[in-house]
């Protein structure tokens, strides 16, 4: 049950962040960052079942979506 709640919360955060980014995400220019983090998020969630890695890649994917790729500034 705890895992389901955390996965549901994670998905809600993703939807909110993606919606908030809106048009900015469409014109961000670097889709590779977001796509790479989406794949890493998916792998951590489904294949490795690692909640810490799943959360880490979710946060990085949100950063890419809002135009602040991880490792590029603070």
PDB file of N, CA and C in Angstrom:
ATOM      1  N   UNK A   1       0.824  -1.191   0.000  1.00  0.00           N
ATOM      2  CA  UNK A   1       0.000   0.000   0.000  1.00  0.00           C
ATOM      3  C   UNK A   1       0.878   1.267   0.000  1.00  0.00           C
ATOM      4  N   UNK A   2       1.949   1.263   0.802  1.00  0.00           N
ATOM      5  CA  UNK A   2       2.836   2.425   0.880  1.00  0.00           C
ATOM      6  C   UNK A   2       3.459   2.735  -0.480  1.00  0.00           C
ATOM      7  N   UNK A   3       3.850   1.692  -1.197  1.00  0.00           N
ATOM      8  CA  UNK A   3       4.458   1.872  -2.513  1.00  0.00           C
ATOM      9  C   UNK A   3       3.461   2.479  -3.487  1.00  0.00           C
ATOM     10  N   UNK A   4       2.223   2.042  -3.428  1.00  0.00           N
ATOM     11  CA  UNK A   4       1.200   2.580  -4.325  1.00  0.00           C
ATOM     12  C   UNK A   4       0.973   4.058  -4.061  1.00  0.00           C
ATOM     13  N   UNK A   5       0.954   4.437  -2.788  1.00  0.00           N
ATOM     14  CA  UNK A   5       0.753   5.839  -2.441  1.00  0.00           C
ATOM     15  C   UNK A   5       1.923   6.677  -2.938  1.00  0.00           C
ATOM     16  N   UNK A   6       3.151   6.189  -2.760  1.00  0.00           N
ATOM     17  CA  UNK A   6       4.313   6.958  -3.205  1.00  0.00           C
ATOM     18  C   UNK A   6       4.359   7.063  -4.725  1.00  0.00           C
ATOM     19  N   UNK A   7       3.993   6.010  -5.429  1.00  0.00           N
ATOM     20  CA  UNK A   7       3.967   6.055  -6.898  1.00  0.00           C
ATOM     21  C   UNK A   7       2.867   7.009  -7.358  1.00  0.00           C
ATOM     22  N   UNK A   8       1.703   6.958  -6.715  1.00  0.00           N
ATOM     23  CA  UNK A   8       0.623   7.868  -7.069  1.00  0.00           C
ATOM     24  C   UNK A   8       1.054   9.316  -6.839  1.00  0.00           C
ATOM     25  N   UNK A   9       1.678   9.600  -5.710  1.00  0.00           N
ATOM     26  CA  UNK A   9       2.166  10.937  -5.415  1.00  0.00           C
ATOM     27  C   UNK A   9       3.187  11.399  -6.440  1.00  0.00           C
ATOM     28  N   UNK A  10       4.069  10.508  -6.827  1.00  0.00           N
ATOM     29  CA  UNK A  10       5.081  10.813  -7.828  1.00  0.00           C
ATOM     30  C   UNK A  10       4.429  11.178  -9.160  1.00  0.00           C
ATOM     31  N   UNK A  11       3.442  10.409  -9.556  1.00  0.00           N
ATOM     32  CA  UNK A  11       2.771  10.675 -10.818  1.00  0.00           C
ATOM     33  C   UNK A  11       1.991  11.997 -10.765  1.00  0.00           C
ATOM     34  N   UNK A  12       1.391  12.306  -9.625  1.00  0.00           N
ATOM     35  CA  UNK A  12       0.686  13.582  -9.478  1.00  0.00           C
ATOM     36  C   UNK A  12       1.669  14.737  -9.628  1.00  0.00           C
ATOM     37  N   UNK A  13       2.834  14.623  -8.991  1.00  0.00           N
ATOM     38  CA  UNK A  13       3.857  15.656  -9.126  1.00  0.00           C
ATOM     39  C   UNK A  13       4.269  15.842 -10.584  1.00  0.00           C
ATOM     40  N   UNK A  14       4.423  14.748 -11.285  1.00  0.00           N
ATOM     41  CA  UNK A  14       4.810  14.803 -12.693  1.00  0.00           C
ATOM     42  C   UNK A  14       3.762  15.536 -13.517  1.00  0.00           C
ATOM     43  N   UNK A  15       2.505  15.213 -13.305  1.00  0.00           N
ATOM     44  CA  UNK A  15       1.432  15.851 -14.062  1.00  0.00           C
ATOM     45  C   UNK A  15       1.376  17.347 -13.753  1.00  0.00           C
ATOM     46  N   UNK A  16       1.494  17.697 -12.484  1.00  0.00           N
ATOM     47  CA  UNK A  16       1.457  19.108 -12.094  1.00  0.00           C
ATOM     48  C   UNK A  16       2.628  19.867 -12.708  1.00  0.00           C
ATOM     49  N   UNK A  17       3.812  19.297 -12.636  1.00  0.00           N
ATOM     50  CA  UNK A  17       4.995  19.965 -13.182  1.00  0.00           C
ATOM     51  C   UNK A  17       4.902  20.108 -14.695  1.00  0.00           C
ATOM     52  N   UNK A  18       4.429  19.085 -15.355  1.00  0.00           N
ATOM     53  CA  UNK A  18       4.300  19.135 -16.806  1.00  0.00           C
ATOM     54  C   UNK A  18       3.252  20.162 -17.216  1.00  0.00           C
ATOM     55  N   UNK A  19       2.147  20.201 -16.495  1.00  0.00           N
ATOM     56  CA  UNK A  19       1.095  21.170 -16.790  1.00  0.00           C
ATOM     57  C   UNK A  19       1.580  22.589 -16.531  1.00  0.00           C
ATOM     58  N   UNK A  20       2.298  22.784 -15.431  1.00  0.00           N
ATOM     59  CA  UNK A  20       2.801  24.118 -15.091  1.00  0.00           C
ATOM     60  C   UNK A  20       3.800  24.614 -16.133  1.00  0.00           C
ATOM     61  N   UNK A  21       4.575  23.703 -16.676  1.00  0.00           N
ATOM     62  CA  UNK A  21       5.567  24.090 -17.678  1.00  0.00           C
ATOM     63  C   UNK A  21       4.887  24.493 -18.983  1.00  0.00           C
ATOM     64  N   UNK A  22       3.792  23.832 -19.293  1.00  0.00           N
ATOM     65  CA  UNK A  22       2.957  24.154 -20.453  1.00  0.00           C
ATOM     66  C   UNK A  22       3.726  24.371 -21.738  1.00  0.00           C
ATOM     67  N   UNK A  23       3.529  25.514 -22.313  1.00  0.00           N
ATOM     68  CA  UNK A  23       4.126  25.835 -23.607  1.00  0.00           C
ATOM     69  C   UNK A  23       5.636  25.942 -23.522  1.00  0.00           C
ATOM     70  N   UNK A  24       6.155  26.305 -22.363  1.00  0.00           N
ATOM     71  CA  UNK A  24       7.609  26.440 -22.219  1.00  0.00           C
ATOM     72  C   UNK A  24       8.298  25.117 -22.550  1.00  0.00           C
ATOM     73  N   UNK A  25       7.708  24.007 -22.155  1.00  0.00           N
ATOM     74  CA  UNK A  25       8.306  22.703 -22.440  1.00  0.00           C
ATOM     75  C   UNK A  25       8.352  22.427 -23.937  1.00  0.00           C
ATOM     76  N   UNK A  26       7.338  22.888 -24.645  1.00  0.00           N
ATOM     77  CA  UNK A  26       7.281  22.645 -26.086  1.00  0.00           C
ATOM     78  C   UNK A  26       8.386  23.394 -26.820  1.00  0.00           C
ATOM     79  N   UNK A  27       8.815  24.523 -26.256  1.00  0.00           N
ATOM     80  CA  UNK A  27       9.820  25.331 -26.917  1.00  0.00           C
ATOM     81  C   UNK A  27      11.153  25.329 -26.188  1.00  0.00           C
ATOM     82  N   UNK A  28      11.355  24.374 -25.283  1.00  0.00           N
ATOM     83  CA  UNK A  28      12.577  24.343 -24.477  1.00  0.00           C
ATOM     84  C   UNK A  28      13.812  24.089 -25.334  1.00  0.00           C
ATOM     85  N   UNK A  29      13.653  23.397 -26.466  1.00  0.00           N
ATOM     86  CA  UNK A  29      14.784  23.207 -27.357  1.00  0.00           C
ATOM     87  C   UNK A  29      15.504  21.890 -27.164  1.00  0.00           C
ATOM     88  N   UNK A  30      15.801  21.488 -25.943  1.00  0.00           N
ATOM     89  CA  UNK A  30      16.557  20.259 -25.703  1.00  0.00           C
ATOM     90  C   UNK A  30      15.626  19.176 -25.164  1.00  0.00           C
ATOM     91  N   UNK A  31      15.015  18.427 -26.064  1.00  0.00           N
ATOM     92  CA  UNK A  31      14.149  17.327 -25.649  1.00  0.00           C
ATOM     93  C   UNK A  31      14.939  16.120 -25.195  1.00  0.00           C
ATOM     94  N   UNK A  32      16.235  16.070 -25.492  1.00  0.00           N
ATOM     95  CA  UNK A  32      17.048  14.926 -25.113  1.00  0.00           C
ATOM     96  C   UNK A  32      17.176  14.756 -23.624  1.00  0.00           C
ATOM     97  N   UNK A  33      17.271  15.856 -22.901  1.00  0.00           N
ATOM     98  CA  UNK A  33      17.378  15.797 -21.445  1.00  0.00           C
ATOM     99  C   UNK A  33      16.127  15.158 -20.866  1.00  0.00           C
ATOM    100  N   UNK A  34      14.959  15.672 -21.254  1.00  0.00           N
ATOM    101  CA  UNK A  34      13.695  15.164 -20.718  1.00  0.00           C
ATOM    102  C   UNK A  34      13.470  13.718 -21.131  1.00  0.00           C
ATOM    103  N   UNK A  35      13.724  13.420 -22.383  1.00  0.00           N
ATOM    104  CA  UNK A  35      13.517  12.063 -22.864  1.00  0.00           C
ATOM    105  C   UNK A  35      14.436  11.065 -22.157  1.00  0.00           C
ATOM    106  N   UNK A  36      15.685  11.470 -21.940  1.00  0.00           N
ATOM    107  CA  UNK A  36      16.623  10.600 -21.231  1.00  0.00           C
ATOM    108  C   UNK A  36      16.198  10.353 -19.792  1.00  0.00           C
ATOM    109  N   UNK A  37      15.729  11.409 -19.125  1.00  0.00           N
ATOM    110  CA  UNK A  37      15.277  11.250 -17.751  1.00  0.00           C
ATOM    111  C   UNK A  37      13.974  10.456 -17.674  1.00  0.00           C
ATOM    112  N   UNK A  38      13.110  10.613 -18.683  1.00  0.00           N
ATOM    113  CA  UNK A  38      11.885   9.802 -18.714  1.00  0.00           C
ATOM    114  C   UNK A  38      12.244   8.321 -18.791  1.00  0.00           C
ATOM    115  N   UNK A  39      13.208   7.997 -19.646  1.00  0.00           N
ATOM    116  CA  UNK A  39      13.616   6.595 -19.788  1.00  0.00           C
ATOM    117  C   UNK A  39      14.258   6.077 -18.499  1.00  0.00           C
ATOM    118  N   UNK A  40      15.114   6.894 -17.886  1.00  0.00           N
ATOM    119  CA  UNK A  40      15.750   6.499 -16.629  1.00  0.00           C
ATOM    120  C   UNK A  40      14.704   6.333 -15.526  1.00  0.00           C
ATOM    121  N   UNK A  41      13.714   7.234 -15.478  1.00  0.00           N
ATOM    122  CA  UNK A  41      12.625   7.148 -14.507  1.00  0.00           C
ATOM    123  C   UNK A  41      11.848   5.851 -14.707  1.00  0.00           C
ATOM    124  N   UNK A  42      11.498   5.562 -15.947  1.00  0.00           N
ATOM    125  CA  UNK A  42      10.747   4.354 -16.274  1.00  0.00           C
ATOM    126  C   UNK A  42      11.524   3.097 -15.873  1.00  0.00           C
ATOM    127  N   UNK A  43      12.818   3.061 -16.191  1.00  0.00           N
ATOM    128  CA  UNK A  43      13.636   1.900 -15.847  1.00  0.00           C
ATOM    129  C   UNK A  43      13.742   1.707 -14.339  1.00  0.00           C
ATOM    130  N   UNK A  44      13.968   2.803 -13.611  1.00  0.00           N
ATOM    131  CA  UNK A  44      14.091   2.709 -12.159  1.00  0.00           C
ATOM    132  C   UNK A  44      12.779   2.253 -11.534  1.00  0.00           C
ATOM    133  N   UNK A  45      11.664   2.689 -12.095  1.00  0.00           N
ATOM    134  CA  UNK A  45      10.363   2.380 -11.516  1.00  0.00           C
ATOM    135  C   UNK A  45       9.932   0.950 -11.831  1.00  0.00           C
ATOM    136  N   UNK A  46      10.080   0.521 -13.090  1.00  0.00           N
ATOM    137  CA  UNK A  46       9.539  -0.770 -13.496  1.00  0.00           C
ATOM    138  C   UNK A  46      10.550  -1.909 -13.442  1.00  0.00           C
ATOM    139  N   UNK A  47      11.742  -1.660 -13.912  1.00  0.00           N
ATOM    140  CA  UNK A  47      12.707  -2.751 -14.026  1.00  0.00           C
ATOM    141  C   UNK A  47      13.497  -2.988 -12.746  1.00  0.00           C
ATOM    142  N   UNK A  48      13.872  -1.898 -12.061  1.00  0.00           N
ATOM    143  CA  UNK A  48      14.739  -2.037 -10.895  1.00  0.00           C
ATOM    144  C   UNK A  48      13.989  -1.918  -9.573  1.00  0.00           C
ATOM    145  N   UNK A  49      12.757  -1.371  -9.604  1.00  0.00           N
ATOM    146  CA  UNK A  49      11.925  -1.209  -8.415  1.00  0.00           C
ATOM    147  C   UNK A  49      12.692  -0.510  -7.297  1.00  0.00           C
ATOM    148  N   UNK A  50      13.350   0.587  -7.655  1.00  0.00           N
ATOM    149  CA  UNK A  50      14.176   1.345  -6.712  1.00  0.00           C
ATOM    150  C   UNK A  50      13.542   2.718  -6.498  1.00  0.00           C
ATOM    151  N   UNK A  51      12.889   2.903  -5.342  1.00  0.00           N
ATOM    152  CA  UNK A  51      12.157   4.138  -5.082  1.00  0.00           C
ATOM    153  C   UNK A  51      13.066   5.361  -5.035  1.00  0.00           C
ATOM    154  N   UNK A  52      14.265   5.235  -4.490  1.00  0.00           N
ATOM    155  CA  UNK A  52      15.181   6.380  -4.419  1.00  0.00           C
ATOM    156  C   UNK A  52      15.599   6.841  -5.818  1.00  0.00           C
ATOM    157  N   UNK A  53      15.970   5.898  -6.663  1.00  0.00           N
ATOM    158  CA  UNK A  53      16.369   6.242  -8.035  1.00  0.00           C
ATOM    159  C   UNK A  53      15.174   6.786  -8.823  1.00  0.00           C
ATOM    160  N   UNK A  54      13.992   6.204  -8.591  1.00  0.00           N
ATOM    161  CA  UNK A  54      12.790   6.677  -9.270  1.00  0.00           C
ATOM    162  C   UNK A  54      12.542   8.139  -8.943  1.00  0.00           C
ATOM    163  N   UNK A  55      12.605   8.488  -7.668  1.00  0.00           N
ATOM    164  CA  UNK A  55      12.382   9.873  -7.243  1.00  0.00           C
ATOM    165  C   UNK A  55      13.457  10.798  -7.816  1.00  0.00           C
ATOM    166  N   UNK A  56      14.730  10.349  -7.792  1.00  0.00           N
ATOM    167  CA  UNK A  56      15.828  11.166  -8.307  1.00  0.00           C
ATOM    168  C   UNK A  56      15.612  11.500  -9.780  1.00  0.00           C
ATOM    169  N   UNK A  57      15.241  10.506 -10.575  1.00  0.00           N
ATOM    170  CA  UNK A  57      15.045  10.742 -12.005  1.00  0.00           C
ATOM    171  C   UNK A  57      13.765  11.533 -12.272  1.00  0.00           C
ATOM    172  N   UNK A  58      12.766  11.388 -11.421  1.00  0.00           N
ATOM    173  CA  UNK A  58      11.555  12.200 -11.570  1.00  0.00           C
ATOM    174  C   UNK A  58      11.889  13.675 -11.384  1.00  0.00           C
ATOM    175  N   UNK A  59      12.650  13.997 -10.336  1.00  0.00           N
ATOM    176  CA  UNK A  59      13.023  15.388 -10.086  1.00  0.00           C
ATOM    177  C   UNK A  59      13.868  15.945 -11.222  1.00  0.00           C
ATOM    178  N   UNK A  60      14.768  15.140 -11.754  1.00  0.00           N
ATOM    179  CA  UNK A  60      15.599  15.597 -12.872  1.00  0.00           C
ATOM    180  C   UNK A  60      14.753  15.796 -14.127  1.00  0.00           C
ATOM    181  N   UNK A  61      13.756  14.924 -14.333  1.00  0.00           N
ATOM    182  CA  UNK A  61      12.872  15.061 -15.483  1.00  0.00           C
ATOM    183  C   UNK A  61      12.055  16.351 -15.369  1.00  0.00           C
ATOM    184  N   UNK A  62      11.586  16.667 -14.173  1.00  0.00           N
ATOM    185  CA  UNK A  62      10.848  17.913 -13.956  1.00  0.00           C
ATOM    186  C   UNK A  62      11.760  19.104 -14.234  1.00  0.00           C
ATOM    187  N   UNK A  63      13.011  19.030 -13.765  1.00  0.00           N
ATOM    188  CA  UNK A  63      13.963  20.117 -14.045  1.00  0.00           C
ATOM    189  C   UNK A  63      14.145  20.320 -15.546  1.00  0.00           C
ATOM    190  N   UNK A  64      14.279  19.234 -16.284  1.00  0.00           N
ATOM    191  CA  UNK A  64      14.427  19.342 -17.742  1.00  0.00           C
ATOM    192  C   UNK A  64      13.175  19.950 -18.356  1.00  0.00           C
ATOM    193  N   UNK A  65      12.009  19.558 -17.865  1.00  0.00           N
ATOM    194  CA  UNK A  65      10.745  20.033 -18.411  1.00  0.00           C
ATOM    195  C   UNK A  65      10.585  21.536 -18.234  1.00  0.00           C
ATOM    196  N   UNK A  66      11.031  22.063 -17.090  1.00  0.00           N
ATOM    197  CA  UNK A  66      10.872  23.493 -16.839  1.00  0.00           C
ATOM    198  C   UNK A  66      12.057  24.306 -17.363  1.00  0.00           C
ATOM    199  N   UNK A  67      12.967  23.669 -18.066  1.00  0.00           N
ATOM    200  CA  UNK A  67      14.058  24.379 -18.715  1.00  0.00           C
ATOM    201  C   UNK A  67      15.295  24.588 -17.873  1.00  0.00           C
ATOM    202  N   UNK A  68      15.477  23.795 -16.822  1.00  0.00           N
ATOM    203  CA  UNK A  68      16.668  23.893 -15.978  1.00  0.00           C
ATOM    204  C   UNK A  68      17.324  22.514 -15.894  1.00  0.00           C
ATOM    205  N   UNK A  69      17.982  22.088 -16.963  1.00  0.00           N
ATOM    206  CA  UNK A  69      18.599  20.755 -16.960  1.00  0.00           C
ATOM    207  C   UNK A  69      19.557  20.569 -15.781  1.00  0.00           C
ATOM    208  N   UNK A  70      19.562  19.379 -15.194  1.00  0.00           N
ATOM    209  CA  UNK A  70      20.471  19.118 -14.079  1.00  0.00           C
ATOM    210  C   UNK A  70      21.925  19.293 -14.510  1.00  0.00           C
ATOM    211  N   UNK A  71      22.722  19.865 -13.637  1.00  0.00           N
ATOM    212  CA  UNK A  71      24.146  20.049 -13.912  1.00  0.00           C
ATOM    213  C   UNK A  71      24.462  21.337 -14.648  1.00  0.00           C
ATOM    214  N   UNK A  72      23.448  22.117 -14.958  1.00  0.00           N
ATOM    215  CA  UNK A  72      23.687  23.389 -15.660  1.00  0.00           C
ATOM    216  C   UNK A  72      23.307  24.554 -14.737  1.00  0.00           C
ATOM    217  N   UNK A  73      24.193  24.899 -13.855  1.00  0.00           N
ATOM    218  CA  UNK A  73      23.929  25.996 -12.925  1.00  0.00           C
ATOM    219  C   UNK A  73      23.301  25.501 -11.636  1.00  0.00           C
ATOM    220  N   UNK A  74      22.797  26.438 -10.847  1.00  0.00           N
ATOM    221  CA  UNK A  74      22.211  26.042  -9.565  1.00  0.00           C
ATOM    222  C   UNK A  74      20.721  26.287  -9.521  1.00  0.00           C
TER     223      UNK A  74
END
